[in-house]
Amino acid sequence: MKTYALPLVAFATFCLAFPELGGHKFQAPGPFDSRSPCPGLNALANHGYLPRDGKNIDYDLINKATQDAYGWAPGSFTTVVDMVFEFNISTTNRPNETFHLFDLARHDTIEVDGSLTRNDIYFGDDVHFDATVWAPVAKDLGLDDIRSNSLFVTPEIAAKATKNRYDLAERVNPQFNNSALRHATEYGTTALYLLTIWDGENNAAPKSWVKALLGEDRIPYREGYQKGNTTKNPQTLGAMTQTLRDIVGWKA
């Protein structure tokens, strides 16, 4: 038994260090798979932390997936899941218990105008990645200029890029919906992606990680991502959101 113990431990450690080899290899969605406007949730399905078809998701699946892949505390996304059921937007056969990722695209319930990676519903598609929308955001984040002295997206860079996207969306969309919900969530999604792939040693998010997550709906394992030992929770999300708002002078 001892003869086999060391190789098994080594293999388990290897799989933890390289999750793509431990059952979480990236796989792009097929034509009948369900996906949302949220890159982080889509990535969880693309890597098999959530069902790869993106369907019939419940509280337990969300809790385990976000904890295992990103290091979020259990219950961090309870409010979002609650909204799915409270707004009756689930299209599953158990609409009070489960939902499909596509259900999150219902406009002005969870999805709102001004996404960093998706177009507004006014233009017809608020679910799929839009390269035209993403290009100026990526440029503002400096993702086309990754050098040894420019490797990270700081909160200041992220906040200003998000503000530019909001301003542009409001200018080009004649039906831009600046609802109370949208206003309340401003900069929250930016705080969410930053913390999800946060590098605590550098107090920033590596550009290559941001590019993979937002631009490809992919967890940046190939670029060296590990979730780290710091647990993220709604309190840290709220603090980061306020930091971003302060940078751009956001007013309630």
Protein backbone atom coordinates (compact mmCIF):
# COMPACT_ATOMS: atom_id res chain seq x y z
CA MET A 1 0.00 0.00 0.00
CA LYS A 2 2.78 2.42 0.88
CA THR A 3 4.33 1.80 -2.52
CA TYR A 4 1.30 3.36 -4.19
CA ALA A 5 0.69 6.15 -1.69
CA LEU A 6 3.35 8.56 -2.91
CA PRO A 7 2.40 8.42 -6.61
CA LEU A 8 -1.27 8.87 -5.73
CA VAL A 9 -0.54 11.89 -3.55
CA ALA A 10 1.69 13.34 -6.24
CA PHE A 11 -1.00 12.83 -8.87
CA ALA A 12 -3.66 14.43 -6.67
CA THR A 13 -1.41 17.42 -6.02
CA PHE A 14 -0.69 17.72 -9.73
CA CYS A 15 -4.40 17.74 -10.58
CA LEU A 16 -5.07 20.41 -7.97
CA ALA A 17 -2.33 22.57 -9.42
CA PHE A 18 -3.56 21.99 -12.98
CA PRO A 19 -7.37 21.71 -12.76
CA GLU A 20 -7.72 21.39 -16.53
CA LEU A 21 -6.14 17.96 -16.12
CA GLY A 22 -8.40 17.10 -13.19
CA GLY A 23 -11.71 17.06 -15.05
CA HIS A 24 -11.98 20.80 -15.67
CA LYS A 25 -10.59 21.19 -19.15
CA PHE A 26 -12.01 24.10 -21.13
CA GLN A 27 -14.67 23.10 -23.60
CA ALA A 28 -16.52 25.68 -25.68
CA PRO A 29 -20.32 25.44 -25.51
CA GLY A 30 -22.25 23.60 -28.18
CA PRO A 31 -25.25 24.98 -30.10
CA PHE A 32 -27.77 23.59 -27.62
CA ASP A 33 -25.94 24.56 -24.43
CA SER A 34 -27.29 27.34 -22.24
CA ARG A 35 -25.13 30.36 -21.49
CA SER A 36 -25.62 33.72 -19.78
CA PRO A 37 -24.38 37.29 -20.24
CA CYS A 38 -21.91 36.65 -17.36
CA PRO A 39 -18.41 35.50 -18.40
CA GLY A 40 -17.60 34.14 -14.94
CA LEU A 41 -20.63 31.84 -14.82
CA ASN A 42 -20.16 30.78 -18.42
CA ALA A 43 -16.55 29.89 -17.64
CA LEU A 44 -17.71 27.66 -14.78
CA ALA A 45 -19.86 25.72 -17.24
CA ASN A 46 -17.15 25.70 -19.91
CA HIS A 47 -14.80 24.06 -17.38
CA GLY A 48 -17.35 21.65 -15.92
CA TYR A 49 -17.71 23.21 -12.47
CA LEU A 50 -21.33 23.81 -13.43
CA PRO A 51 -23.13 21.40 -15.76
CA ARG A 52 -21.50 21.83 -19.15
CA ASP A 53 -24.89 22.30 -20.79
CA GLY A 54 -25.57 25.22 -18.42
CA LYS A 55 -28.93 23.83 -17.39
CA ASN A 56 -30.82 22.95 -14.20
CA ILE A 57 -28.57 24.84 -11.81
CA ASP A 58 -29.44 25.22 -8.13
CA TYR A 59 -28.02 26.85 -4.99
CA ASP A 60 -25.73 23.95 -4.16
CA LEU A 61 -24.20 23.85 -7.64
CA ILE A 62 -23.54 27.60 -7.63
CA ASN A 63 -22.04 27.50 -4.14
CA LYS A 64 -19.72 24.60 -4.88
CA ALA A 65 -18.65 25.85 -8.31
CA THR A 66 -17.83 29.40 -7.23
CA GLN A 67 -16.00 28.15 -4.16
CA ASP A 68 -14.00 25.44 -5.92
CA ALA A 69 -13.00 27.48 -8.95
CA TYR A 70 -12.80 31.03 -7.64
CA GLY A 71 -12.60 30.87 -3.85
CA TRP A 72 -15.89 32.64 -3.13
CA ALA A 73 -17.46 31.89 0.24
CA PRO A 74 -20.58 29.70 0.19
CA GLY A 75 -23.68 31.87 -0.10
CA SER A 76 -21.92 34.72 -1.89
CA PHE A 77 -24.30 34.43 -4.83
CA THR A 78 -27.48 33.63 -2.92
CA THR A 79 -28.95 37.05 -3.68
CA VAL A 80 -28.54 36.57 -7.43
CA VAL A 81 -30.13 33.12 -7.34
CA ASP A 82 -32.93 34.47 -5.15
CA MET A 83 -33.66 37.09 -7.81
CA VAL A 84 -34.10 34.38 -10.45
CA PHE A 85 -36.87 32.81 -8.41
CA GLU A 86 -38.39 36.05 -7.09
CA PHE A 87 -38.73 37.47 -10.62
CA ASN A 88 -40.06 34.14 -11.92
CA ILE A 89 -37.59 34.04 -14.80
CA SER A 90 -36.58 30.38 -14.54
CA THR A 91 -37.63 28.29 -17.55
CA THR A 92 -36.84 24.87 -16.06
CA ASN A 93 -39.43 22.29 -15.06
CA ARG A 94 -38.61 23.15 -11.43
CA PRO A 95 -38.76 26.96 -11.66
CA ASN A 96 -38.65 27.50 -7.89
CA GLU A 97 -35.50 25.40 -7.45
CA THR A 98 -33.39 25.50 -10.61
CA PHE A 99 -32.58 27.72 -13.57
CA HIS A 100 -30.73 27.65 -16.88
CA LEU A 101 -27.87 30.10 -17.47
CA PHE A 102 -29.78 31.69 -20.35
CA ASP A 103 -32.53 32.67 -17.89
CA LEU A 104 -30.15 35.30 -16.48
CA ALA A 105 -30.43 37.25 -19.74
CA ARG A 106 -33.88 38.60 -18.88
CA HIS A 107 -33.40 42.33 -19.37
CA ASP A 108 -33.50 44.66 -16.37
CA THR A 109 -34.01 41.87 -13.88
CA ILE A 110 -30.44 40.62 -13.57
CA GLU A 111 -29.01 41.66 -16.96
CA VAL A 112 -28.75 45.43 -17.50
CA ASP A 113 -27.46 47.79 -20.17
CA GLY A 114 -23.78 48.69 -20.32
CA SER A 115 -22.12 45.26 -20.20
CA LEU A 116 -18.36 45.22 -20.77
CA THR A 117 -18.57 42.24 -23.12
CA ARG A 118 -22.14 42.04 -24.43
CA ASN A 119 -24.26 44.47 -26.40
CA ASP A 120 -27.43 46.02 -25.04
CA ILE A 121 -30.72 44.25 -25.73
CA TYR A 122 -31.77 47.20 -27.91
CA PHE A 123 -29.31 45.94 -30.53
CA GLY A 124 -30.80 42.43 -30.44
CA ASP A 125 -28.44 40.19 -28.45
CA ASP A 126 -27.45 40.66 -24.82
CA VAL A 127 -26.18 37.10 -24.32
CA HIS A 128 -23.31 36.38 -26.69
CA PHE A 129 -19.85 37.91 -26.58
CA ASP A 130 -19.61 40.97 -28.84
CA ALA A 131 -16.13 41.76 -30.14
CA THR A 132 -17.14 45.29 -31.16
CA VAL A 133 -18.28 46.08 -27.62
CA TRP A 134 -15.26 44.40 -26.06
CA ALA A 135 -12.55 45.99 -28.23
CA PRO A 136 -12.57 49.50 -26.69
CA VAL A 137 -12.92 48.05 -23.20
CA ALA A 138 -9.93 45.77 -23.76
CA LYS A 139 -7.95 48.72 -25.09
CA ASP A 140 -8.80 50.83 -22.03
CA LEU A 141 -7.74 47.93 -19.81
CA GLY A 142 -4.44 47.75 -21.66
CA LEU A 143 -4.97 44.16 -22.74
CA ASP A 144 -3.36 44.82 -26.13
CA ASP A 145 -0.22 46.00 -24.37
CA ILE A 146 0.97 43.27 -22.02
CA ARG A 147 4.63 43.87 -21.22
CA SER A 148 6.89 43.09 -18.29
CA ASN A 149 6.25 46.55 -16.84
CA SER A 150 2.53 46.52 -17.64
CA LEU A 151 1.13 43.19 -16.50
CA PHE A 152 -1.82 44.12 -14.30
CA VAL A 153 -5.27 45.68 -14.33
CA THR A 154 -5.47 47.86 -11.23
CA PRO A 155 -8.73 49.08 -9.69
CA GLU A 156 -8.05 52.53 -11.15
CA ILE A 157 -7.61 51.17 -14.67
CA ALA A 158 -10.68 48.95 -14.33
CA ALA A 159 -12.90 51.71 -12.94
CA LYS A 160 -12.03 54.14 -15.73
CA ALA A 161 -12.52 51.50 -18.42
CA THR A 162 -15.94 50.66 -17.02
CA LYS A 163 -16.95 54.32 -16.88
CA ASN A 164 -15.94 54.75 -20.52
CA ARG A 165 -18.08 51.75 -21.47
CA TYR A 166 -21.08 53.09 -19.54
CA ASP A 167 -20.72 56.50 -21.18
CA LEU A 168 -20.44 54.98 -24.67
CA ALA A 169 -23.42 52.67 -24.16
CA GLU A 170 -25.56 55.57 -23.01
CA ARG A 171 -24.57 57.63 -26.06
CA VAL A 172 -25.23 54.99 -28.72
CA ASN A 173 -28.32 53.28 -27.28
CA PRO A 174 -31.39 55.51 -27.69
CA GLN A 175 -33.28 53.24 -25.27
CA PHE A 176 -30.51 52.95 -22.70
CA ASN A 177 -32.27 51.96 -19.49
CA ASN A 178 -30.69 53.76 -16.57
CA SER A 179 -33.00 52.00 -14.13
CA ALA A 180 -32.70 51.93 -10.36
CA LEU A 181 -31.47 48.34 -10.61
CA ARG A 182 -28.81 49.23 -13.13
CA HIS A 183 -27.65 52.23 -11.09
CA ALA A 184 -27.47 50.12 -7.94
CA THR A 185 -25.28 47.53 -9.65
CA GLU A 186 -22.90 49.99 -11.33
CA TYR A 187 -19.27 48.94 -10.89
CA GLY A 188 -20.40 45.82 -9.03
CA THR A 189 -19.73 43.55 -11.99
CA THR A 190 -16.31 45.13 -12.43
CA ALA A 191 -15.54 44.50 -8.76
CA LEU A 192 -16.76 40.94 -9.26
CA TYR A 193 -14.42 40.08 -12.11
CA LEU A 194 -11.45 41.78 -10.42
CA LEU A 195 -11.89 39.85 -7.18
CA THR A 196 -12.63 36.59 -8.97
CA ILE A 197 -9.15 36.57 -10.54
CA TRP A 198 -7.40 38.84 -8.03
CA ASP A 199 -3.67 38.48 -7.47
CA GLY A 200 -3.26 39.36 -3.80
CA GLU A 201 0.51 39.67 -4.02
CA ASN A 202 0.23 42.44 -6.60
CA ASN A 203 -3.12 43.93 -5.50
CA ALA A 204 -4.40 43.76 -9.05
CA ALA A 205 -5.69 41.32 -11.66
CA PRO A 206 -3.19 40.04 -14.24
CA LYS A 207 -4.06 41.31 -17.70
CA SER A 208 -3.73 37.86 -19.24
CA TRP A 209 -6.24 36.50 -16.73
CA VAL A 210 -8.72 39.31 -17.43
CA LYS A 211 -8.34 38.73 -21.16
CA ALA A 212 -9.11 35.02 -20.81
CA LEU A 213 -12.07 35.40 -18.45
CA LEU A 214 -13.83 38.34 -20.09
CA GLY A 215 -12.73 37.76 -23.66
CA GLU A 216 -13.07 33.98 -23.86
CA ASP A 217 -15.34 32.91 -20.98
CA ARG A 218 -12.38 30.82 -19.86
CA ILE A 219 -10.72 30.38 -16.46
CA PRO A 220 -7.09 31.39 -17.08
CA TYR A 221 -5.40 28.20 -15.94
CA ARG A 222 -3.10 28.25 -18.97
CA GLU A 223 -1.91 31.69 -17.89
CA GLY A 224 -1.11 30.49 -14.36
CA TYR A 225 -4.33 31.26 -12.49
CA GLN A 226 -4.86 29.70 -9.07
CA LYS A 227 -7.69 30.71 -6.80
CA GLY A 228 -5.39 31.42 -3.84
CA ASN A 229 -6.09 31.03 -0.15
CA THR A 230 -8.08 34.21 0.51
CA THR A 231 -11.82 33.66 0.64
CA LYS A 232 -13.93 36.29 -1.11
CA ASN A 233 -17.39 37.21 0.14
CA PRO A 234 -20.13 39.85 -0.26
CA GLN A 235 -18.29 42.16 2.14
CA THR A 236 -15.10 42.18 0.09
CA LEU A 237 -17.20 42.63 -3.05
CA GLY A 238 -18.96 45.62 -1.52
CA ALA A 239 -15.66 47.17 -0.47
CA MET A 240 -14.15 46.75 -3.93
CA THR A 241 -17.28 48.17 -5.55
CA GLN A 242 -17.02 51.27 -3.37
CA THR A 243 -13.32 51.63 -4.18
CA LEU A 244 -14.12 51.66 -7.89
CA ARG A 245 -16.95 54.14 -7.43
CA ASP A 246 -14.72 56.47 -5.44
CA ILE A 247 -12.12 56.43 -8.21
CA VAL A 248 -14.58 57.78 -10.78
CA GLY A 249 -16.58 59.99 -8.43
CA TRP A 250 -19.76 57.91 -8.65
CA LYS A 251 -22.75 59.35 -6.80
CA ALA A 252 -25.66 57.37 -5.37
